Amino acid sequence: RPGDEALLNGSPGGASASRSRTSSQGSRSWQLRDQKSWKQLT
């Protein structure tokens, strides 16, 4: 059908924390970059 393109390429109205990927003992986790990012999120 026409118009099947997804419109969600980002967060159009919500707010998400800025994230960076870190590695610890072979595992992956997402963490807030710094306290400033946490304040921006809240």
Full PDB file with SEQRES, HELIX, SHEET, SSBOND, CRYST1, ORIGX, SCALE, CONECT and MASTER records, all heavy atoms in Angstrom:
SEQRES   1 A   42  ARG PRO GLY ASP GLU ALA LEU LEU ASN GLY SER PRO GLY          
SEQRES   2 A   42  GLY ALA SER ALA SER ARG SER ARG THR SER SER GLN GLY          
SEQRES   3 A   42  SER ARG SER TRP GLN LEU ARG ASP GLN LYS SER TRP LYS          
SEQRES   4 A   42  GLN LEU THR                                                  
HELIX    1 AA1 GLN A   35  LEU A   41  1                                   7    
SHEET    1 AA1 2 ARG A  19  SER A  24  0                                        
SHEET    2 AA1 2 SER A  27  LEU A  32 -1                                        
CRYST1    1.000    1.000    1.000  90.00  90.00  90.00 P 1           1          
ORIGX1      1.000000  0.000000  0.000000        0.00000                         
ORIGX2      0.000000  1.000000  0.000000        0.00000                         
ORIGX3      0.000000  0.000000  1.000000        0.00000                         
SCALE1      1.000000  0.000000  0.000000        0.00000                         
SCALE2      0.000000  1.000000  0.000000        0.00000                         
SCALE3      0.000000  0.000000  1.000000        0.00000                         
ATOM      1  N   ARG A   1       0.818  -1.196   0.000  1.00  0.00           N  
ATOM      2  CA  ARG A   1       0.000   0.000   0.000  1.00  0.00           C  
ATOM      3  C   ARG A   1       0.851   1.245   0.000  1.00  0.00           C  
ATOM      4  O   ARG A   1       1.955   1.263   0.520  1.00  0.00           O  
ATOM      5  CB  ARG A   1      -0.902   0.014   1.222  1.00  0.00           C  
ATOM      6  CG  ARG A   1      -1.950  -1.079   1.155  1.00  0.00           C  
ATOM      7  CD  ARG A   1      -2.855  -0.958   2.327  1.00  0.00           C  
ATOM      8  NE  ARG A   1      -3.927  -1.931   2.194  1.00  0.00           N  
ATOM      9  CZ  ARG A   1      -4.915  -1.992   3.034  1.00  0.00           C  
ATOM     10  NH1 ARG A   1      -5.011  -1.167   4.019  1.00  0.00           N  
ATOM     11  NH2 ARG A   1      -5.855  -2.898   2.875  1.00  0.00           N  
ATOM     12  N   PRO A   2       0.358   2.343  -0.579  1.00  0.00           N  
ATOM     13  CA  PRO A   2       1.118   3.581  -0.561  1.00  0.00           C  
ATOM     14  C   PRO A   2       1.217   4.121   0.846  1.00  0.00           C  
ATOM     15  O   PRO A   2       0.349   3.945   1.671  1.00  0.00           O  
ATOM     16  CB  PRO A   2       0.278   4.513  -1.445  1.00  0.00           C  
ATOM     17  CG  PRO A   2      -1.106   3.966  -1.359  1.00  0.00           C  
ATOM     18  CD  PRO A   2      -0.926   2.477  -1.254  1.00  0.00           C  
ATOM     19  N   GLY A   3       2.322   4.826   1.086  1.00  0.00           N  
ATOM     20  CA  GLY A   3       2.481   5.473   2.378  1.00  0.00           C  
ATOM     21  C   GLY A   3       2.982   4.540   3.452  1.00  0.00           C  
ATOM     22  O   GLY A   3       2.833   4.812   4.633  1.00  0.00           O  
ATOM     23  N   ASP A   4       3.649   3.415   3.069  1.00  0.00           N  
ATOM     24  CA  ASP A   4       4.119   2.474   4.073  1.00  0.00           C  
ATOM     25  C   ASP A   4       5.393   2.946   4.763  1.00  0.00           C  
ATOM     26  O   ASP A   4       5.876   2.311   5.681  1.00  0.00           O  
ATOM     27  CB  ASP A   4       4.399   1.109   3.423  1.00  0.00           C  
ATOM     28  CG  ASP A   4       3.124   0.337   3.224  1.00  0.00           C  
ATOM     29  OD1 ASP A   4       2.081   0.739   3.755  1.00  0.00           O  
ATOM     30  OD2 ASP A   4       3.181  -0.665   2.529  1.00  0.00           O  
ATOM     31  N   GLU A   5       5.986   4.061   4.273  1.00  0.00           N  
ATOM     32  CA  GLU A   5       7.221   4.523   4.872  1.00  0.00           C  
ATOM     33  C   GLU A   5       6.992   4.884   6.324  1.00  0.00           C  
ATOM     34  O   GLU A   5       6.059   5.589   6.661  1.00  0.00           O  
ATOM     35  CB  GLU A   5       7.750   5.753   4.128  1.00  0.00           C  
ATOM     36  CG  GLU A   5       8.095   5.480   2.676  1.00  0.00           C  
ATOM     37  CD  GLU A   5       6.874   5.525   1.783  1.00  0.00           C  
ATOM     38  OE1 GLU A   5       5.822   5.971   2.248  1.00  0.00           O  
ATOM     39  OE2 GLU A   5       6.996   5.137   0.628  1.00  0.00           O  
ATOM     40  N   ALA A   6       7.853   4.414   7.182  1.00  0.00           N  
ATOM     41  CA  ALA A   6       7.719   4.730   8.610  1.00  0.00           C  
ATOM     42  C   ALA A   6       8.085   6.181   8.839  1.00  0.00           C  
ATOM     43  O   ALA A   6       9.031   6.703   8.270  1.00  0.00           O  
ATOM     44  CB  ALA A   6       8.629   3.822   9.430  1.00  0.00           C  
ATOM     45  N   LEU A   7       7.322   6.868   9.672  1.00  0.00           N  
ATOM     46  CA  LEU A   7       7.575   8.263   9.967  1.00  0.00           C  
ATOM     47  C   LEU A   7       8.450   8.439  11.193  1.00  0.00           C  
ATOM     48  O   LEU A   7       8.909   9.533  11.475  1.00  0.00           O  
ATOM     49  CB  LEU A   7       6.237   8.992  10.197  1.00  0.00           C  
ATOM     50  CG  LEU A   7       5.304   9.053   8.995  1.00  0.00           C  
ATOM     51  CD1 LEU A   7       4.114   9.924   9.326  1.00  0.00           C  
ATOM     52  CD2 LEU A   7       6.005   9.592   7.766  1.00  0.00           C  
ATOM     53  N   LEU A   8       8.661   7.363  11.936  1.00  0.00           N  
ATOM     54  CA  LEU A   8       9.380   7.498  13.195  1.00  0.00           C  
ATOM     55  C   LEU A   8      10.869   7.369  12.949  1.00  0.00           C  
ATOM     56  O   LEU A   8      11.433   6.309  12.982  1.00  0.00           O  
ATOM     57  CB  LEU A   8       8.930   6.438  14.201  1.00  0.00           C  
ATOM     58  CG  LEU A   8       9.586   6.520  15.574  1.00  0.00           C  
ATOM     59  CD1 LEU A   8       9.218   7.820  16.253  1.00  0.00           C  
ATOM     60  CD2 LEU A   8       9.208   5.355  16.427  1.00  0.00           C  
ATOM     61  N   ASN A   9      11.539   8.489  12.641  1.00  0.00           N  
ATOM     62  CA  ASN A   9      12.983   8.487  12.494  1.00  0.00           C  
ATOM     63  C   ASN A   9      13.640   9.089  13.723  1.00  0.00           C  
ATOM     64  O   ASN A   9      14.837   9.232  13.792  1.00  0.00           O  
ATOM     65  CB  ASN A   9      13.398   9.285  11.257  1.00  0.00           C  
ATOM     66  CG  ASN A   9      12.975   8.584   9.990  1.00  0.00           C  
ATOM     67  OD1 ASN A   9      13.041   7.370   9.928  1.00  0.00           O  
ATOM     68  ND2 ASN A   9      12.535   9.329   9.005  1.00  0.00           N  
ATOM     69  N   GLY A  10      12.843   9.485  14.664  1.00  0.00           N  
ATOM     70  CA  GLY A  10      13.368  10.081  15.874  1.00  0.00           C  
ATOM     71  C   GLY A  10      12.278  10.146  16.896  1.00  0.00           C  
ATOM     72  O   GLY A  10      11.247   9.523  16.760  1.00  0.00           O  
ATOM     73  N   SER A  11      12.489  10.932  17.903  1.00  0.00           N  
ATOM     74  CA  SER A  11      11.490  11.100  18.960  1.00  0.00           C  
ATOM     75  C   SER A  11      10.797  12.411  18.752  1.00  0.00           C  
ATOM     76  O   SER A  11      11.299  13.459  19.109  1.00  0.00           O  
ATOM     77  CB  SER A  11      12.181  11.068  20.324  1.00  0.00           C  
ATOM     78  OG  SER A  11      11.253  11.334  21.334  1.00  0.00           O  
ATOM     79  N   PRO A  12       9.632  12.423  18.062  1.00  0.00           N  
ATOM     80  CA  PRO A  12       9.036  13.661  17.630  1.00  0.00           C  
ATOM     81  C   PRO A  12       8.550  14.556  18.741  1.00  0.00           C  
ATOM     82  O   PRO A  12       8.391  15.723  18.547  1.00  0.00           O  
ATOM     83  CB  PRO A  12       7.860  13.224  16.762  1.00  0.00           C  
ATOM     84  CG  PRO A  12       7.705  11.781  16.936  1.00  0.00           C  
ATOM     85  CD  PRO A  12       8.866  11.262  17.697  1.00  0.00           C  
ATOM     86  N   GLY A  13       8.266  14.047  19.882  1.00  0.00           N  
ATOM     87  CA  GLY A  13       7.755  14.937  20.899  1.00  0.00           C  
ATOM     88  C   GLY A  13       8.298  14.616  22.269  1.00  0.00           C  
ATOM     89  O   GLY A  13       8.204  15.405  23.191  1.00  0.00           O  
ATOM     90  N   GLY A  14       8.889  13.443  22.402  1.00  0.00           N  
ATOM     91  CA  GLY A  14       9.383  13.058  23.699  1.00  0.00           C  
ATOM     92  C   GLY A  14      10.820  13.487  23.890  1.00  0.00           C  
ATOM     93  O   GLY A  14      11.435  14.095  23.035  1.00  0.00           O  
ATOM     94  N   ALA A  15      11.384  13.167  25.015  1.00  0.00           N  
ATOM     95  CA  ALA A  15      12.763  13.515  25.302  1.00  0.00           C  
ATOM     96  C   ALA A  15      13.483  12.267  25.767  1.00  0.00           C  
ATOM     97  O   ALA A  15      12.993  11.510  26.561  1.00  0.00           O  
ATOM     98  CB  ALA A  15      12.821  14.582  26.393  1.00  0.00           C  
ATOM     99  N   SER A  16      14.667  12.045  25.229  1.00  0.00           N  
ATOM    100  CA  SER A  16      15.452  10.883  25.622  1.00  0.00           C  
ATOM    101  C   SER A  16      16.815  11.353  26.077  1.00  0.00           C  
ATOM    102  O   SER A  16      17.331  12.360  25.605  1.00  0.00           O  
ATOM    103  CB  SER A  16      15.612   9.910  24.452  1.00  0.00           C  
ATOM    104  OG  SER A  16      14.370   9.361  24.106  1.00  0.00           O  
ATOM    105  N   ALA A  17      17.390  10.603  26.979  1.00  0.00           N  
ATOM    106  CA  ALA A  17      18.724  10.945  27.449  1.00  0.00           C  
ATOM    107  C   ALA A  17      19.733  10.728  26.344  1.00  0.00           C  
ATOM    108  O   ALA A  17      19.613   9.822  25.542  1.00  0.00           O  
ATOM    109  CB  ALA A  17      19.088  10.066  28.645  1.00  0.00           C  
ATOM    110  N   SER A  18      20.741  11.585  26.298  1.00  0.00           N  
ATOM    111  CA  SER A  18      21.839  11.377  25.373  1.00  0.00           C  
ATOM    112  C   SER A  18      22.638  10.197  25.880  1.00  0.00           C  
ATOM    113  O   SER A  18      23.011  10.137  27.042  1.00  0.00           O  
ATOM    114  CB  SER A  18      22.704  12.645  25.321  1.00  0.00           C  
ATOM    115  OG  SER A  18      23.759  12.478  24.414  1.00  0.00           O  
ATOM    116  N   ARG A  19      22.912   9.253  24.987  1.00  0.00           N  
ATOM    117  CA  ARG A  19      23.501   8.004  25.423  1.00  0.00           C  
ATOM    118  C   ARG A  19      24.844   7.766  24.756  1.00  0.00           C  
ATOM    119  O   ARG A  19      25.099   8.216  23.653  1.00  0.00           O  
ATOM    120  CB  ARG A  19      22.566   6.831  25.103  1.00  0.00           C  
ATOM    121  CG  ARG A  19      21.178   6.949  25.709  1.00  0.00           C  
ATOM    122  CD  ARG A  19      20.333   5.812  25.179  1.00  0.00           C  
ATOM    123  NE  ARG A  19      19.019   5.798  25.787  1.00  0.00           N  
ATOM    124  CZ  ARG A  19      17.967   6.410  25.259  1.00  0.00           C  
ATOM    125  NH1 ARG A  19      18.075   7.082  24.146  1.00  0.00           N  
ATOM    126  NH2 ARG A  19      16.791   6.340  25.846  1.00  0.00           N  
ATOM    127  N   SER A  20      25.668   7.040  25.394  1.00  0.00           N  
ATOM    128  CA  SER A  20      26.908   6.571  24.795  1.00  0.00           C  
ATOM    129  C   SER A  20      27.080   5.113  25.146  1.00  0.00           C  
ATOM    130  O   SER A  20      26.648   4.671  26.207  1.00  0.00           O  
ATOM    131  CB  SER A  20      28.110   7.381  25.296  1.00  0.00           C  
ATOM    132  OG  SER A  20      28.287   7.185  26.677  1.00  0.00           O  
ATOM    133  N   ARG A  21      27.716   4.375  24.254  1.00  0.00           N  
ATOM    134  CA  ARG A  21      27.870   2.943  24.478  1.00  0.00           C  
ATOM    135  C   ARG A  21      29.207   2.679  25.184  1.00  0.00           C  
ATOM    136  O   ARG A  21      30.246   3.175  24.779  1.00  0.00           O  
ATOM    137  CB  ARG A  21      27.827   2.208  23.136  1.00  0.00           C  
ATOM    138  CG  ARG A  21      27.660   0.727  23.279  1.00  0.00           C  
ATOM    139  CD  ARG A  21      27.619   0.028  21.956  1.00  0.00           C  
ATOM    140  NE  ARG A  21      26.580   0.553  21.088  1.00  0.00           N  
ATOM    141  CZ  ARG A  21      26.190  -0.050  19.982  1.00  0.00           C  
ATOM    142  NH1 ARG A  21      26.733  -1.177  19.618  1.00  0.00           N  
ATOM    143  NH2 ARG A  21      25.259   0.482  19.223  1.00  0.00           N  
ATOM    144  N   THR A  22      29.162   1.921  26.231  1.00  0.00           N  
ATOM    145  CA  THR A  22      30.369   1.573  26.957  1.00  0.00           C  
ATOM    146  C   THR A  22      30.476   0.076  27.046  1.00  0.00           C  
ATOM    147  O   THR A  22      29.504  -0.657  26.907  1.00  0.00           O  
ATOM    148  CB  THR A  22      30.363   2.173  28.377  1.00  0.00           C  
ATOM    149  OG1 THR A  22      29.257   1.622  29.096  1.00  0.00           O  
ATOM    150  CG2 THR A  22      30.224   3.691  28.336  1.00  0.00           C  
ATOM    151  N   SER A  23      31.661  -0.398  27.294  1.00  0.00           N  
ATOM    152  CA  SER A  23      31.881  -1.838  27.395  1.00  0.00           C  
ATOM    153  C   SER A  23      32.552  -2.141  28.716  1.00  0.00           C  
ATOM    154  O   SER A  23      33.464  -1.459  29.136  1.00  0.00           O  
ATOM    155  CB  SER A  23      32.758  -2.312  26.235  1.00  0.00           C  
ATOM    156  OG  SER A  23      33.063  -3.661  26.373  1.00  0.00           O  
ATOM    157  N   SER A  24      32.060  -3.168  29.381  1.00  0.00           N  
ATOM    158  CA  SER A  24      32.648  -3.586  30.651  1.00  0.00           C  
ATOM    159  C   SER A  24      32.645  -5.097  30.715  1.00  0.00           C  
ATOM    160  O   SER A  24      31.589  -5.712  30.730  1.00  0.00           O  
ATOM    161  CB  SER A  24      31.860  -2.997  31.820  1.00  0.00           C  
ATOM    162  OG  SER A  24      32.348  -3.492  33.051  1.00  0.00           O  
ATOM    163  N   GLN A  25      33.867  -5.694  30.719  1.00  0.00           N  
ATOM    164  CA  GLN A  25      34.032  -7.142  30.807  1.00  0.00           C  
ATOM    165  C   GLN A  25      33.223  -7.846  29.734  1.00  0.00           C  
ATOM    166  O   GLN A  25      32.563  -8.841  29.972  1.00  0.00           O  
ATOM    167  CB  GLN A  25      33.624  -7.646  32.199  1.00  0.00           C  
ATOM    168  CG  GLN A  25      34.506  -7.088  33.312  1.00  0.00           C  
ATOM    169  CD  GLN A  25      34.103  -7.589  34.667  1.00  0.00           C  
ATOM    170  OE1 GLN A  25      33.070  -8.222  34.806  1.00  0.00           O  
ATOM    171  NE2 GLN A  25      34.914  -7.328  35.657  1.00  0.00           N  
ATOM    172  N   GLY A  26      33.291  -7.286  28.497  1.00  0.00           N  
ATOM    173  CA  GLY A  26      32.655  -7.926  27.351  1.00  0.00           C  
ATOM    174  C   GLY A  26      31.189  -7.669  27.221  1.00  0.00           C  
ATOM    175  O   GLY A  26      30.570  -8.115  26.272  1.00  0.00           O  
ATOM    176  N   SER A  27      30.545  -6.983  28.181  1.00  0.00           N  
ATOM    177  CA  SER A  27      29.114  -6.716  28.081  1.00  0.00           C  
ATOM    178  C   SER A  27      28.907  -5.291  27.629  1.00  0.00           C  
ATOM    179  O   SER A  27      29.757  -4.423  27.810  1.00  0.00           O  
ATOM    180  CB  SER A  27      28.435  -6.944  29.433  1.00  0.00           C  
ATOM    181  OG  SER A  27      28.938  -6.016  30.370  1.00  0.00           O  
ATOM    182  N   ARG A  28      27.727  -5.023  27.010  1.00  0.00           N  
ATOM    183  CA  ARG A  28      27.407  -3.692  26.523  1.00  0.00           C  
ATOM    184  C   ARG A  28      26.331  -3.081  27.395  1.00  0.00           C  
ATOM    185  O   ARG A  28      25.416  -3.743  27.828  1.00  0.00           O  
ATOM    186  CB  ARG A  28      26.905  -3.754  25.075  1.00  0.00           C  
ATOM    187  CG  ARG A  28      27.943  -4.246  24.103  1.00  0.00           C  
ATOM    188  CD  ARG A  28      27.431  -4.151  22.699  1.00  0.00           C  
ATOM    189  NE  ARG A  28      26.198  -4.918  22.531  1.00  0.00           N  
ATOM    190  CZ  ARG A  28      25.453  -4.874  21.448  1.00  0.00           C  
ATOM    191  NH1 ARG A  28      25.773  -4.099  20.453  1.00  0.00           N  
ATOM    192  NH2 ARG A  28      24.362  -5.604  21.364  1.00  0.00           N  
ATOM    193  N   SER A  29      26.425  -1.811  27.614  1.00  0.00           N  
ATOM    194  CA  SER A  29      25.398  -1.108  28.368  1.00  0.00           C  
ATOM    195  C   SER A  29      25.306   0.314  27.861  1.00  0.00           C  
ATOM    196  O   SER A  29      26.260   0.857  27.289  1.00  0.00           O  
ATOM    197  CB  SER A  29      25.705  -1.130  29.867  1.00  0.00           C  
ATOM    198  OG  SER A  29      26.898  -0.412  30.115  1.00  0.00           O  
ATOM    199  N   TRP A  30      24.158   0.903  28.074  1.00  0.00           N  
ATOM    200  CA  TRP A  30      23.937   2.304  27.704  1.00  0.00           C  
ATOM    201  C   TRP A  30      23.959   3.125  28.990  1.00  0.00           C  
ATOM    202  O   TRP A  30      23.322   2.777  29.962  1.00  0.00           O  
ATOM    203  CB  TRP A  30      22.581   2.467  27.014  1.00  0.00           C  
ATOM    204  CG  TRP A  30      22.553   1.839  25.676  1.00  0.00           C  
ATOM    205  CD1 TRP A  30      22.180   0.574  25.370  1.00  0.00           C  
ATOM    206  CD2 TRP A  30      22.940   2.444  24.448  1.00  0.00           C  
ATOM    207  NE1 TRP A  30      22.298   0.339  24.039  1.00  0.00           N  
ATOM    208  CE2 TRP A  30      22.768   1.470  23.441  1.00  0.00           C  
ATOM    209  CE3 TRP A  30      23.422   3.706  24.084  1.00  0.00           C  
ATOM    210  CZ2 TRP A  30      23.046   1.721  22.113  1.00  0.00           C  
ATOM    211  CZ3 TRP A  30      23.697   3.954  22.758  1.00  0.00           C  
ATOM    212  CH2 TRP A  30      23.521   2.974  21.793  1.00  0.00           C  
ATOM    213  N   GLN A  31      24.716   4.233  28.967  1.00  0.00           N  
ATOM    214  CA  GLN A  31      24.835   5.073  30.145  1.00  0.00           C  
ATOM    215  C   GLN A  31      24.625   6.530  29.767  1.00  0.00           C  
ATOM    216  O   GLN A  31      24.910   6.936  28.638  1.00  0.00           O  
ATOM    217  CB  GLN A  31      26.214   4.915  30.786  1.00  0.00           C  
ATOM    218  CG  GLN A  31      26.476   3.504  31.319  1.00  0.00           C  
ATOM    219  CD  GLN A  31      27.842   3.416  31.958  1.00  0.00           C  
ATOM    220  OE1 GLN A  31      28.703   4.246  31.713  1.00  0.00           O  
ATOM    221  NE2 GLN A  31      28.019   2.417  32.796  1.00  0.00           N  
ATOM    222  N   LEU A  32      24.166   7.319  30.704  1.00  0.00           N  
ATOM    223  CA  LEU A  32      24.082   8.754  30.492  1.00  0.00           C  
ATOM    224  C   LEU A  32      25.495   9.310  30.420  1.00  0.00           C  
ATOM    225  O   LEU A  32      26.378   8.908  31.180  1.00  0.00           O  
ATOM    226  CB  LEU A  32      23.310   9.414  31.645  1.00  0.00           C  
ATOM    227  CG  LEU A  32      21.828   9.076  31.691  1.00  0.00           C  
ATOM    228  CD1 LEU A  32      21.237   9.542  33.026  1.00  0.00           C  
ATOM    229  CD2 LEU A  32      21.115   9.743  30.544  1.00  0.00           C  
ATOM    230  N   ARG A  33      25.703  10.272  29.521  1.00  0.00           N  
ATOM    231  CA  ARG A  33      27.062  10.768  29.320  1.00  0.00           C  
ATOM    232  C   ARG A  33      27.600  11.501  30.544  1.00  0.00           C  
ATOM    233  O   ARG A  33      28.746  11.376  30.904  1.00  0.00           O  
ATOM    234  CB  ARG A  33      27.085  11.688  28.098  1.00  0.00           C  
ATOM    235  CG  ARG A  33      26.963  10.906  26.795  1.00  0.00           C  
ATOM    236  CD  ARG A  33      26.898  11.832  25.604  1.00  0.00           C  
ATOM    237  NE  ARG A  33      26.892  11.061  24.369  1.00  0.00           N  
ATOM    238  CZ  ARG A  33      26.637  11.566  23.178  1.00  0.00           C  
ATOM    239  NH1 ARG A  33      26.360  12.834  23.038  1.00  0.00           N  
ATOM    240  NH2 ARG A  33      26.651  10.805  22.120  1.00  0.00           N  
ATOM    241  N   ASP A  34      26.766  12.304  31.172  1.00  0.00           N  
ATOM    242  CA  ASP A  34      27.225  13.029  32.344  1.00  0.00           C  
ATOM    243  C   ASP A  34      26.017  13.551  33.104  1.00  0.00           C  
ATOM    244  O   ASP A  34      24.880  13.367  32.707  1.00  0.00           O  
ATOM    245  CB  ASP A  34      28.158  14.183  31.952  1.00  0.00           C  
ATOM    246  CG  ASP A  34      27.603  15.000  30.804  1.00  0.00           C  
ATOM    247  OD1 ASP A  34      26.361  15.204  30.776  1.00  0.00           O  
ATOM    248  OD2 ASP A  34      28.374  15.431  29.944  1.00  0.00           O  
ATOM    249  N   GLN A  35      26.281  14.222  34.211  1.00  0.00           N  
ATOM    250  CA  GLN A  35      25.194  14.737  35.033  1.00  0.00           C  
ATOM    251  C   GLN A  35      24.388  15.783  34.290  1.00  0.00           C  
ATOM    252  O   GLN A  35      23.189  15.937  34.509  1.00  0.00           O  
ATOM    253  CB  GLN A  35      25.763  15.320  36.335  1.00  0.00           C  
ATOM    254  CG  GLN A  35      26.348  14.273  37.271  1.00  0.00           C  
ATOM    255  CD  GLN A  35      25.285  13.269  37.674  1.00  0.00           C  
ATOM    256  OE1 GLN A  35      24.140  13.621  37.943  1.00  0.00           O  
ATOM    257  NE2 GLN A  35      25.672  11.997  37.716  1.00  0.00           N  
ATOM    258  N   LYS A  36      25.023  16.509  33.379  1.00  0.00           N  
ATOM    259  CA  LYS A  36      24.316  17.507  32.594  1.00  0.00           C  
ATOM    260  C   LYS A  36      23.254  16.856  31.736  1.00  0.00           C  
ATOM    261  O   LYS A  36      22.130  17.349  31.609  1.00  0.00           O  
ATOM    262  CB  LYS A  36      25.296  18.288  31.717  1.00  0.00           C  
ATOM    263  CG  LYS A  36      24.634  19.387  30.901  1.00  0.00           C  
ATOM    264  CD  LYS A  36      25.676  20.138  30.078  1.00  0.00           C  
ATOM    265  CE  LYS A  36      25.011  21.224  29.239  1.00  0.00           C  
ATOM    266  NZ  LYS A  36      26.000  21.954  28.403  1.00  0.00           N  
ATOM    267  N   SER A  37      23.587  15.713  31.141  1.00  0.00           N  
ATOM    268  CA  SER A  37      22.614  15.000  30.313  1.00  0.00           C  
ATOM    269  C   SER A  37      21.430  14.542  31.150  1.00  0.00           C  
ATOM    270  O   SER A  37      20.286  14.582  30.717  1.00  0.00           O  
ATOM    271  CB  SER A  37      23.274  13.785  29.646  1.00  0.00           C  
ATOM    272  OG  SER A  37      24.276  14.209  28.749  1.00  0.00           O  
ATOM    273  N   TRP A  38      21.727  14.078  32.388  1.00  0.00           N  
ATOM    274  CA  TRP A  38      20.641  13.635  33.263  1.00  0.00           C  
ATOM    275  C   TRP A  38      19.719  14.796  33.603  1.00  0.00           C  
ATOM    276  O   TRP A  38      18.507  14.652  33.618  1.00  0.00           O  
ATOM    277  CB  TRP A  38      21.225  13.030  34.530  1.00  0.00           C  
ATOM    278  CG  TRP A  38      20.178  12.659  35.531  1.00  0.00           C  
ATOM    279  CD1 TRP A  38      19.898  13.280  36.710  1.00  0.00           C  
ATOM    280  CD2 TRP A  38      19.249  11.591  35.427  1.00  0.00           C  
ATOM    281  NE1 TRP A  38      18.858  12.670  37.344  1.00  0.00           N  
ATOM    282  CE2 TRP A  38      18.437  11.620  36.577  1.00  0.00           C  
ATOM    283  CE3 TRP A  38      19.018  10.597  34.469  1.00  0.00           C  
ATOM    284  CZ2 TRP A  38      17.422  10.709  36.796  1.00  0.00           C  
ATOM    285  CZ3 TRP A  38      18.021   9.689  34.701  1.00  0.00           C  
ATOM    286  CH2 TRP A  38      17.222   9.748  35.842  1.00  0.00           C  
ATOM    287  N   LYS A  39      20.292  15.971  33.864  1.00  0.00           N  
ATOM    288  CA  LYS A  39      19.466  17.131  34.176  1.00  0.00           C  
ATOM    289  C   LYS A  39      18.626  17.532  32.961  1.00  0.00           C  
ATOM    290  O   LYS A  39      17.454  17.881  33.077  1.00  0.00           O  
ATOM    291  CB  LYS A  39      20.340  18.308  34.611  1.00  0.00           C  
ATOM    292  CG  LYS A  39      19.529  19.515  35.106  1.00  0.00           C  
ATOM    293  CD  LYS A  39      20.434  20.613  35.600  1.00  0.00           C  
ATOM    294  CE  LYS A  39      19.588  21.728  36.240  1.00  0.00           C  
ATOM    295  NZ  LYS A  39      18.578  22.263  35.332  1.00  0.00           N  
ATOM    296  N   GLN A  40      19.216  17.441  31.754  1.00  0.00           N  
ATOM    297  CA  GLN A  40      18.459  17.766  30.543  1.00  0.00           C  
ATOM    298  C   GLN A  40      17.280  16.807  30.393  1.00  0.00           C  
ATOM    299  O   GLN A  40      16.181  17.204  30.004  1.00  0.00           O  
ATOM    300  CB  GLN A  40      19.367  17.680  29.312  1.00  0.00           C  
ATOM    301  CG  GLN A  40      20.399  18.799  29.239  1.00  0.00           C  
ATOM    302  CD  GLN A  40      21.354  18.592  28.084  1.00  0.00           C  
ATOM    303  OE1 GLN A  40      21.455  17.499  27.537  1.00  0.00           O  
ATOM    304  NE2 GLN A  40      22.057  19.641  27.725  1.00  0.00           N  
ATOM    305  N   LEU A  41      17.504  15.531  30.715  1.00  0.00           N  
ATOM    306  CA  LEU A  41      16.435  14.548  30.600  1.00  0.00           C  
ATOM    307  C   LEU A  41      15.301  14.856  31.569  1.00  0.00           C  
ATOM    308  O   LEU A  41      14.129  14.893  31.193  1.00  0.00           O  
ATOM    309  CB  LEU A  41      16.986  13.143  30.861  1.00  0.00           C  
ATOM    310  CG  LEU A  41      15.938  12.026  30.962  1.00  0.00           C  
ATOM    311  CD1 LEU A  41      15.180  11.896  29.660  1.00  0.00           C  
ATOM    312  CD2 LEU A  41      16.604  10.714  31.328  1.00  0.00           C  
ATOM    313  N   THR A  42      15.653  15.077  32.848  1.00  0.00           N  
ATOM    314  CA  THR A  42      14.600  15.318  33.830  1.00  0.00           C  
ATOM    315  C   THR A  42      13.859  16.617  33.545  1.00  0.00           C  
ATOM    316  O   THR A  42      12.642  16.691  33.696  1.00  0.00           O  
ATOM    317  CB  THR A  42      15.206  15.360  35.243  1.00  0.00           C  
ATOM    318  OG1 THR A  42      16.272  16.323  35.276  1.00  0.00           O  
ATOM    319  CG2 THR A  42      15.762  14.005  35.643  1.00  0.00           C  
TER     320      THR A  42                                                      
MASTER        0    0    0    1    2    0    0    6  319    1    0    4          
END                                                                             
